[in-house]
Amino acid sequence: MSKTKLVLFAVPLATALFAAACGPGAAPTTTATTTTKTTTTPTTTRTTAPPATTPATAGIDASALFAANCAACHGANRQGMQGLGPALTPASLAAKSLDQVNDAITNGRANTLMTGFKGRLTPEQIDALAKYEKNTAP
């Protein structure tokens, strides 16, 4: 069979199969894929997954929020700045829960230079920042 005849045969066949699979009037759908990674060391097992995106934080650019509000003390690459603020990376925050990170951003940390952002950022922006710092490598 020549290439032209094969294409003339394949395109209508693919269209028919697609229409049959979707049903009459059905729109094509897409499915998101999430990858989970498990890391095992002699003393610990840690499972990490991409952070869940909630409708409240979906449109928030946490990277831009970090640059505007946090980078001056924690560094543009979140590696920390001596005498100002510690690193804010998944590795440096591994022992902290997401709620603890969120609380530190919201209320600040006593006896440090870290002041709270409650009232300056919305709860959704703070949540997006906490997820960004806890789950996204610089």
N, C-alpha and C. Protein backbone atom coordinates (compact mmCIF):
# COMPACT_ATOMS: atom_id res chain seq x y z
N MET A 1 0.85 -1.17 0.00
CA MET A 1 0.00 0.00 0.00
C MET A 1 0.90 1.23 0.00
N SER A 2 0.59 2.24 -0.82
CA SER A 2 1.43 3.44 -0.90
C SER A 2 1.18 4.31 0.33
N LYS A 3 2.11 5.25 0.57
CA LYS A 3 1.99 6.16 1.73
C LYS A 3 0.73 7.00 1.64
N THR A 4 0.38 7.46 0.44
CA THR A 4 -0.81 8.30 0.26
C THR A 4 -2.06 7.52 0.62
N LYS A 5 -2.17 6.28 0.14
CA LYS A 5 -3.34 5.48 0.45
C LYS A 5 -3.40 5.15 1.94
N LEU A 6 -2.24 4.93 2.56
CA LEU A 6 -2.19 4.63 3.99
C LEU A 6 -2.70 5.81 4.81
N VAL A 7 -2.27 7.03 4.45
CA VAL A 7 -2.71 8.23 5.17
C VAL A 7 -4.21 8.43 4.96
N LEU A 8 -4.68 8.25 3.72
CA LEU A 8 -6.10 8.42 3.43
C LEU A 8 -6.95 7.42 4.20
N PHE A 9 -6.40 6.26 4.52
CA PHE A 9 -7.10 5.25 5.28
C PHE A 9 -6.99 5.50 6.79
N ALA A 10 -5.78 5.91 7.26
CA ALA A 10 -5.51 6.04 8.69
C ALA A 10 -6.24 7.21 9.32
N VAL A 11 -6.32 8.35 8.65
CA VAL A 11 -6.93 9.53 9.25
C VAL A 11 -8.42 9.30 9.53
N PRO A 12 -9.21 8.84 8.56
CA PRO A 12 -10.62 8.59 8.89
C PRO A 12 -10.80 7.50 9.95
N LEU A 13 -9.92 6.50 9.95
CA LEU A 13 -10.01 5.44 10.95
C LEU A 13 -9.75 6.00 12.34
N ALA A 14 -8.72 6.83 12.50
CA ALA A 14 -8.40 7.42 13.79
C ALA A 14 -9.54 8.32 14.26
N THR A 15 -10.13 9.08 13.34
CA THR A 15 -11.25 9.95 13.69
C THR A 15 -12.44 9.12 14.15
N ALA A 16 -12.72 8.05 13.45
CA ALA A 16 -13.84 7.19 13.83
C ALA A 16 -13.62 6.55 15.20
N LEU A 17 -12.40 6.07 15.46
CA LEU A 17 -12.10 5.46 16.75
C LEU A 17 -12.22 6.48 17.88
N PHE A 18 -11.74 7.70 17.62
CA PHE A 18 -11.83 8.76 18.63
C PHE A 18 -13.29 9.07 18.93
N ALA A 19 -14.10 9.21 17.90
CA ALA A 19 -15.52 9.52 18.07
C ALA A 19 -16.23 8.40 18.82
N ALA A 20 -15.89 7.16 18.51
CA ALA A 20 -16.52 6.02 19.18
C ALA A 20 -16.13 5.97 20.65
N ALA A 21 -14.88 6.27 20.94
CA ALA A 21 -14.40 6.21 22.33
C ALA A 21 -15.02 7.32 23.18
N CYS A 22 -15.20 8.47 22.59
CA CYS A 22 -15.72 9.61 23.35
C CYS A 22 -17.24 9.62 23.42
N GLY A 23 -17.88 8.98 22.49
CA GLY A 23 -19.34 8.99 22.47
C GLY A 23 -19.84 10.21 21.73
N PRO A 24 -21.11 10.23 21.39
CA PRO A 24 -21.65 11.34 20.63
C PRO A 24 -21.65 12.63 21.43
N GLY A 25 -21.08 13.66 20.85
CA GLY A 25 -21.06 14.98 21.48
C GLY A 25 -20.10 15.12 22.63
N ALA A 26 -19.34 14.10 22.94
CA ALA A 26 -18.43 14.18 24.08
C ALA A 26 -17.19 14.96 23.69
N ALA A 27 -16.70 15.73 24.61
CA ALA A 27 -15.47 16.50 24.37
C ALA A 27 -14.28 15.66 24.80
N PRO A 28 -13.14 15.84 24.13
CA PRO A 28 -11.95 15.10 24.56
C PRO A 28 -11.55 15.54 25.97
N THR A 29 -10.99 14.62 26.72
CA THR A 29 -10.56 14.94 28.08
C THR A 29 -9.08 14.68 28.21
N THR A 30 -8.47 15.31 29.24
CA THR A 30 -7.07 15.06 29.53
C THR A 30 -6.98 14.59 30.96
N THR A 31 -5.96 13.85 31.26
CA THR A 31 -5.75 13.33 32.60
C THR A 31 -4.38 13.78 33.08
N ALA A 32 -4.32 14.37 34.28
CA ALA A 32 -3.05 14.80 34.85
C ALA A 32 -2.35 13.59 35.44
N THR A 33 -1.04 13.59 35.34
CA THR A 33 -0.26 12.51 35.89
C THR A 33 0.60 13.06 37.02
N THR A 34 0.61 12.38 38.15
CA THR A 34 1.42 12.77 39.29
C THR A 34 2.45 11.69 39.54
N THR A 35 3.69 12.12 39.74
CA THR A 35 4.76 11.19 39.99
C THR A 35 5.14 11.28 41.46
N THR A 36 5.27 10.15 42.11
CA THR A 36 5.68 10.10 43.50
C THR A 36 7.04 9.45 43.58
N LYS A 37 7.91 10.00 44.41
CA LYS A 37 9.27 9.49 44.54
C LYS A 37 9.49 9.07 45.99
N THR A 38 10.03 7.89 46.19
CA THR A 38 10.35 7.42 47.52
C THR A 38 11.86 7.27 47.63
N THR A 39 12.42 7.88 48.67
CA THR A 39 13.85 7.82 48.91
C THR A 39 14.07 7.05 50.20
N THR A 40 14.96 6.08 50.19
CA THR A 40 15.24 5.30 51.38
C THR A 40 16.71 5.43 51.74
N THR A 41 16.97 5.75 53.00
CA THR A 41 18.33 5.78 53.53
C THR A 41 18.36 4.79 54.69
N PRO A 42 19.53 4.47 55.22
CA PRO A 42 19.58 3.48 56.30
C PRO A 42 18.71 3.84 57.51
N THR A 43 18.45 5.12 57.75
CA THR A 43 17.70 5.47 58.95
C THR A 43 16.31 6.01 58.68
N THR A 44 16.03 6.47 57.46
CA THR A 44 14.72 7.06 57.21
C THR A 44 14.19 6.67 55.84
N THR A 45 12.89 6.74 55.72
CA THR A 45 12.22 6.61 54.42
C THR A 45 11.34 7.83 54.27
N ARG A 46 11.50 8.53 53.16
CA ARG A 46 10.73 9.74 52.93
C ARG A 46 10.07 9.65 51.57
N THR A 47 8.78 9.88 51.53
CA THR A 47 8.05 9.91 50.27
C THR A 47 7.66 11.34 49.98
N THR A 48 8.03 11.81 48.80
CA THR A 48 7.67 13.16 48.42
C THR A 48 6.83 13.12 47.16
N ALA A 49 5.90 14.00 47.08
CA ALA A 49 5.05 14.12 45.90
C ALA A 49 4.97 15.59 45.54
N PRO A 50 4.65 15.89 44.31
CA PRO A 50 4.48 17.30 43.96
C PRO A 50 3.43 17.93 44.86
N PRO A 51 3.63 19.19 45.24
CA PRO A 51 2.67 19.82 46.13
C PRO A 51 1.29 19.88 45.49
N ALA A 52 0.28 19.68 46.30
CA ALA A 52 -1.09 19.77 45.80
C ALA A 52 -1.39 21.22 45.49
N THR A 53 -1.98 21.47 44.36
CA THR A 53 -2.39 22.81 44.00
C THR A 53 -3.87 22.93 44.32
N THR A 54 -4.17 23.87 45.19
CA THR A 54 -5.56 24.08 45.54
C THR A 54 -6.08 25.24 44.72
N PRO A 55 -7.39 25.31 44.51
CA PRO A 55 -7.93 26.42 43.74
C PRO A 55 -7.53 27.78 44.31
N ALA A 56 -7.38 27.88 45.63
CA ALA A 56 -7.03 29.15 46.24
C ALA A 56 -5.60 29.59 45.92
N THR A 57 -4.68 28.64 45.72
CA THR A 57 -3.29 29.00 45.46
C THR A 57 -2.87 28.78 44.02
N ALA A 58 -3.76 28.28 43.18
CA ALA A 58 -3.40 27.92 41.81
C ALA A 58 -2.88 29.10 41.00
N GLY A 59 -3.42 30.29 41.15
CA GLY A 59 -3.00 31.43 40.34
C GLY A 59 -1.95 32.30 41.00
N ILE A 60 -1.40 31.89 42.11
CA ILE A 60 -0.44 32.71 42.85
C ILE A 60 0.98 32.33 42.44
N ASP A 61 1.79 33.32 42.09
CA ASP A 61 3.18 33.10 41.71
C ASP A 61 4.04 33.18 42.97
N ALA A 62 4.25 32.04 43.62
CA ALA A 62 4.98 32.01 44.89
C ALA A 62 6.43 32.43 44.71
N SER A 63 7.01 32.14 43.56
CA SER A 63 8.39 32.55 43.28
C SER A 63 8.51 34.08 43.30
N ALA A 64 7.55 34.76 42.69
CA ALA A 64 7.56 36.23 42.69
C ALA A 64 7.30 36.77 44.09
N LEU A 65 6.41 36.12 44.84
CA LEU A 65 6.17 36.53 46.23
C LEU A 65 7.45 36.40 47.05
N PHE A 66 8.17 35.30 46.86
CA PHE A 66 9.41 35.10 47.59
C PHE A 66 10.41 36.20 47.23
N ALA A 67 10.57 36.48 45.95
CA ALA A 67 11.52 37.50 45.50
C ALA A 67 11.18 38.86 46.11
N ALA A 68 9.90 39.20 46.19
CA ALA A 68 9.48 40.50 46.69
C ALA A 68 9.50 40.61 48.21
N ASN A 69 9.29 39.51 48.92
CA ASN A 69 9.11 39.59 50.37
C ASN A 69 10.16 38.88 51.21
N CYS A 70 10.88 37.92 50.64
CA CYS A 70 11.73 37.06 51.45
C CYS A 70 13.21 37.08 51.04
N ALA A 71 13.48 37.34 49.77
CA ALA A 71 14.85 37.21 49.24
C ALA A 71 15.85 38.14 49.92
N ALA A 72 15.41 39.29 50.38
CA ALA A 72 16.34 40.23 51.02
C ALA A 72 17.03 39.62 52.24
N CYS A 73 16.32 38.76 52.95
CA CYS A 73 16.90 38.15 54.16
C CYS A 73 17.31 36.69 53.95
N HIS A 74 16.64 35.99 53.05
CA HIS A 74 16.89 34.56 52.87
C HIS A 74 17.67 34.24 51.60
N GLY A 75 17.99 35.26 50.80
CA GLY A 75 18.76 35.07 49.58
C GLY A 75 17.90 34.75 48.38
N ALA A 76 18.31 35.23 47.23
CA ALA A 76 17.55 35.03 45.99
C ALA A 76 17.39 33.55 45.66
N ASN A 77 18.39 32.72 46.01
CA ASN A 77 18.32 31.29 45.75
C ASN A 77 17.87 30.49 46.96
N ARG A 78 17.35 31.19 47.98
CA ARG A 78 16.82 30.58 49.20
C ARG A 78 17.86 29.79 50.00
N GLN A 79 19.14 30.11 49.81
CA GLN A 79 20.21 29.42 50.52
C GLN A 79 20.56 30.07 51.85
N GLY A 80 19.85 31.14 52.22
CA GLY A 80 20.08 31.83 53.49
C GLY A 80 21.12 32.91 53.35
N MET A 81 21.10 33.85 54.30
CA MET A 81 22.09 34.93 54.35
C MET A 81 22.57 35.05 55.78
N GLN A 82 23.87 34.91 55.96
CA GLN A 82 24.46 34.91 57.30
C GLN A 82 24.06 36.17 58.07
N GLY A 83 23.56 35.97 59.28
CA GLY A 83 23.17 37.07 60.14
C GLY A 83 21.77 37.61 59.87
N LEU A 84 21.14 37.14 58.79
CA LEU A 84 19.80 37.64 58.48
C LEU A 84 18.75 36.55 58.56
N GLY A 85 18.80 35.60 57.64
CA GLY A 85 17.78 34.56 57.61
C GLY A 85 18.34 33.23 57.15
N PRO A 86 17.80 32.14 57.66
CA PRO A 86 18.28 30.80 57.29
C PRO A 86 17.83 30.40 55.88
N ALA A 87 18.39 29.32 55.40
CA ALA A 87 17.98 28.75 54.12
C ALA A 87 16.53 28.30 54.20
N LEU A 88 15.82 28.43 53.10
CA LEU A 88 14.42 27.99 53.03
C LEU A 88 14.26 27.09 51.81
N THR A 89 14.79 25.89 51.95
CA THR A 89 14.75 24.90 50.87
C THR A 89 14.09 23.63 51.41
N PRO A 90 13.68 22.74 50.52
CA PRO A 90 13.11 21.48 51.02
C PRO A 90 14.06 20.75 51.97
N ALA A 91 15.35 20.77 51.69
CA ALA A 91 16.31 20.08 52.56
C ALA A 91 16.39 20.75 53.93
N SER A 92 16.45 22.08 53.95
CA SER A 92 16.58 22.78 55.24
C SER A 92 15.28 22.77 56.04
N LEU A 93 14.16 22.54 55.37
CA LEU A 93 12.86 22.52 56.05
C LEU A 93 12.31 21.11 56.23
N ALA A 94 13.13 20.10 55.99
CA ALA A 94 12.66 18.70 56.03
C ALA A 94 12.07 18.33 57.39
N ALA A 95 12.61 18.85 58.46
CA ALA A 95 12.12 18.50 59.79
C ALA A 95 10.86 19.28 60.19
N LYS A 96 10.49 20.27 59.40
CA LYS A 96 9.32 21.10 59.69
C LYS A 96 8.11 20.62 58.89
N SER A 97 6.94 20.68 59.49
CA SER A 97 5.71 20.37 58.77
C SER A 97 5.30 21.59 57.95
N LEU A 98 4.42 21.38 57.00
CA LEU A 98 3.91 22.48 56.21
C LEU A 98 3.18 23.49 57.11
N ASP A 99 2.48 23.01 58.11
CA ASP A 99 1.80 23.90 59.05
C ASP A 99 2.79 24.76 59.83
N GLN A 100 3.93 24.19 60.21
CA GLN A 100 4.94 24.95 60.94
C GLN A 100 5.55 26.04 60.05
N VAL A 101 5.80 25.73 58.80
CA VAL A 101 6.35 26.72 57.86
C VAL A 101 5.31 27.82 57.66
N ASN A 102 4.07 27.44 57.47
CA ASN A 102 2.98 28.41 57.28
C ASN A 102 2.87 29.32 58.51
N ASP A 103 2.95 28.75 59.70
CA ASP A 103 2.86 29.54 60.93
C ASP A 103 4.02 30.52 61.05
N ALA A 104 5.23 30.11 60.69
CA ALA A 104 6.39 31.01 60.76
C ALA A 104 6.21 32.19 59.82
N ILE A 105 5.68 31.94 58.63
CA ILE A 105 5.46 33.04 57.68
C ILE A 105 4.34 33.94 58.20
N THR A 106 3.30 33.35 58.71
CA THR A 106 2.14 34.12 59.18
C THR A 106 2.47 34.97 60.40
N ASN A 107 3.07 34.34 61.42
CA ASN A 107 3.25 35.00 62.71
C ASN A 107 4.67 35.41 63.03
N GLY A 108 5.62 35.06 62.20
CA GLY A 108 7.02 35.37 62.48
C GLY A 108 7.61 34.38 63.45
N ARG A 109 8.85 34.64 63.86
CA ARG A 109 9.53 33.77 64.82
C ARG A 109 10.08 34.62 65.95
N ALA A 110 9.75 34.26 67.17
CA ALA A 110 10.19 35.01 68.34
C ALA A 110 11.72 35.03 68.42
N ASN A 111 12.23 36.14 68.91
CA ASN A 111 13.67 36.32 69.15
C ASN A 111 14.52 36.20 67.88
N THR A 112 13.92 36.50 66.74
CA THR A 112 14.66 36.52 65.47
C THR A 112 14.25 37.78 64.71
N LEU A 113 14.86 37.99 63.57
CA LEU A 113 14.49 39.11 62.71
C LEU A 113 13.21 38.84 61.92
N MET A 114 12.73 37.59 61.97
CA MET A 114 11.57 37.19 61.18
C MET A 114 10.28 37.74 61.77
N THR A 115 9.70 38.71 61.05
CA THR A 115 8.40 39.25 61.45
C THR A 115 7.32 38.54 60.65
N GLY A 116 6.12 38.52 61.17
CA GLY A 116 5.03 37.84 60.49
C GLY A 116 4.48 38.64 59.32
N PHE A 117 3.90 37.93 58.38
CA PHE A 117 3.32 38.56 57.19
C PHE A 117 1.79 38.60 57.26
N LYS A 118 1.23 38.24 58.41
CA LYS A 118 -0.22 38.31 58.59
C LYS A 118 -0.64 39.77 58.42
N GLY A 119 -1.61 40.00 57.56
CA GLY A 119 -2.06 41.36 57.29
C GLY A 119 -1.35 42.00 56.12
N ARG A 120 -0.15 41.53 55.79
CA ARG A 120 0.58 42.05 54.62
C ARG A 120 0.38 41.16 53.41
N LEU A 121 0.21 39.84 53.65
CA LEU A 121 -0.08 38.88 52.58
C LEU A 121 -1.38 38.18 52.94
N THR A 122 -2.11 37.74 51.94
CA THR A 122 -3.34 37.01 52.20
C THR A 122 -3.00 35.60 52.70
N PRO A 123 -3.94 34.95 53.38
CA PRO A 123 -3.70 33.56 53.81
C PRO A 123 -3.35 32.65 52.61
N GLU A 124 -3.95 32.90 51.45
CA GLU A 124 -3.65 32.10 50.27
C GLU A 124 -2.24 32.34 49.77
N GLN A 125 -1.76 33.58 49.83
CA GLN A 125 -0.39 33.88 49.44
C GLN A 125 0.60 33.24 50.40
N ILE A 126 0.30 33.28 51.69
CA ILE A 126 1.17 32.66 52.69
C ILE A 126 1.22 31.15 52.48
N ASP A 127 0.06 30.55 52.21
CA ASP A 127 0.01 29.11 51.95
C ASP A 127 0.84 28.76 50.71
N ALA A 128 0.73 29.56 49.66
CA ALA A 128 1.50 29.32 48.44
C ALA A 128 3.01 29.43 48.72
N LEU A 129 3.41 30.42 49.51
CA LEU A 129 4.82 30.57 49.87
C LEU A 129 5.32 29.38 50.68
N ALA A 130 4.53 28.94 51.65
CA ALA A 130 4.94 27.79 52.48
C ALA A 130 5.13 26.55 51.61
N LYS A 131 4.20 26.28 50.70
CA LYS A 131 4.33 25.12 49.81
C LYS A 131 5.54 25.25 48.90
N TYR A 132 5.77 26.46 48.41
CA TYR A 132 6.92 26.72 47.54
C TYR A 132 8.24 26.43 48.27
N GLU A 133 8.39 26.99 49.46
CA GLU A 133 9.61 26.81 50.23
C GLU A 133 9.81 25.36 50.64
N LYS A 134 8.74 24.70 51.04
CA LYS A 134 8.83 23.34 51.56
C LYS A 134 9.01 22.29 50.46
N ASN A 135 8.48 22.56 49.26
CA ASN A 135 8.43 21.52 48.24
C ASN A 135 9.20 21.79 46.95
N THR A 136 9.66 23.00 46.72
CA THR A 136 10.28 23.35 45.45
C THR A 136 11.76 23.63 45.64
N ALA A 137 12.60 22.87 44.95
CA ALA A 137 14.03 23.09 45.03
C ALA A 137 14.40 24.40 44.34
N PRO A 138 15.37 25.13 44.89
CA PRO A 138 15.77 26.41 44.26
C PRO A 138 16.40 26.18 42.89
